[in-house]
Amino acid sequence: MSCIVQSAPPKIDGRDWTDADRDGFAESVISQIAQYSPGFRDRIVHMVRTPREIEAEVGLTEGNLFQGELTFDQLTRMGYAQ
């Protein structure tokens, strides 16, 4: 199973993620999943890549898997001449 939490901000209160932030975020996500999936926690093999780690490891700006985000107005104009 792969869980991607796309709402993780690139910064927390204007600062970079710390290991403590990452660990607290992981615990929150794991606890919520474990409520519905008994034994989930015991089956974890690898986990948690925050925006900080994703950017450092693979160079994605702010750890954004989509290399930036499109806003609704950008999506509605795609392919149309103005």
Protein backbone atom coordinates (compact mmCIF):
# COMPACT_ATOMS: atom_id res chain seq x y z
CA MET A 1 0.00 0.00 0.00
CA SER A 2 1.20 3.48 -0.82
CA CYS A 3 -0.33 6.49 0.87
CA ILE A 4 0.25 9.91 -0.59
CA VAL A 5 -0.99 12.78 1.52
CA GLN A 6 -1.03 15.62 -0.96
CA SER A 7 -2.00 18.33 1.45
CA ALA A 8 1.32 18.45 3.30
CA PRO A 9 2.57 22.04 3.09
CA PRO A 10 6.09 22.74 1.80
CA LYS A 11 6.75 24.83 4.92
CA ILE A 12 5.30 24.87 8.42
CA ASP A 13 4.59 28.34 9.75
CA GLY A 14 7.13 29.70 7.26
CA ARG A 15 9.93 27.33 8.26
CA ASP A 16 11.32 24.09 6.86
CA TRP A 17 10.12 20.74 8.13
CA THR A 18 12.12 19.21 10.98
CA ASP A 19 12.51 15.53 11.80
CA ALA A 20 10.17 16.09 14.76
CA ASP A 21 7.54 17.60 12.43
CA ARG A 22 7.89 14.62 10.08
CA ASP A 23 7.58 12.11 12.91
CA GLY A 24 4.51 13.84 14.37
CA PHE A 25 2.85 14.02 10.96
CA ALA A 26 3.60 10.33 10.34
CA GLU A 27 2.11 9.37 13.69
CA SER A 28 -1.05 11.32 12.92
CA VAL A 29 -1.52 9.65 9.53
CA ILE A 30 -0.69 6.16 10.83
CA SER A 31 -3.04 6.50 13.79
CA GLN A 32 -5.92 7.51 11.55
CA ILE A 33 -5.39 4.61 9.13
CA ALA A 34 -4.89 2.14 11.99
CA GLN A 35 -8.35 2.97 13.33
CA TYR A 36 -9.82 1.32 10.23
CA SER A 37 -7.12 -1.26 9.51
CA PRO A 38 -6.11 -3.32 12.54
CA GLY A 39 -2.44 -4.34 12.41
CA PHE A 40 -1.56 -1.62 9.91
CA ARG A 41 1.20 -0.14 12.06
CA ASP A 42 2.95 -3.52 12.38
CA ARG A 43 3.10 -3.97 8.60
CA ILE A 44 4.88 -0.71 7.72
CA VAL A 45 8.09 -1.33 5.79
CA HIS A 46 9.06 2.22 4.84
CA MET A 47 7.44 5.56 5.39
CA VAL A 48 7.27 9.29 5.21
CA ARG A 49 8.82 11.61 2.76
CA THR A 50 8.05 15.20 3.61
CA PRO A 51 8.33 17.98 1.03
CA ARG A 52 11.82 18.65 2.43
CA GLU A 53 13.03 15.11 1.72
CA ILE A 54 11.36 14.85 -1.69
CA GLU A 55 13.01 18.08 -2.83
CA ALA A 56 16.42 17.00 -1.49
CA GLU A 57 16.27 13.47 -2.92
CA VAL A 58 14.79 13.99 -6.37
CA GLY A 59 14.80 17.76 -6.89
CA LEU A 60 11.05 18.36 -7.05
CA THR A 61 10.52 21.99 -6.06
CA GLU A 62 8.95 22.17 -2.59
CA GLY A 63 8.46 18.40 -2.82
CA ASN A 64 5.47 18.90 -5.09
CA LEU A 65 4.87 15.72 -7.10
CA PHE A 66 3.25 17.79 -9.84
CA GLN A 67 6.09 20.34 -10.07
CA GLY A 68 3.70 23.11 -9.11
CA GLU A 69 -0.04 23.38 -8.89
CA LEU A 70 -2.54 24.50 -11.46
CA THR A 71 -5.31 26.78 -10.28
CA PHE A 72 -8.86 26.42 -11.54
CA ASP A 73 -8.56 29.46 -13.82
CA GLN A 74 -5.44 27.96 -15.44
CA LEU A 75 -7.22 24.68 -16.08
CA THR A 76 -10.20 26.34 -17.74
CA ARG A 77 -7.99 28.28 -20.14
CA MET A 78 -5.78 25.42 -21.26
CA GLY A 79 -6.00 24.86 -24.99
CA TYR A 80 -8.14 27.89 -25.67
CA ALA A 81 -6.99 31.03 -27.48
CA GLN A 82 -7.91 34.19 -25.65
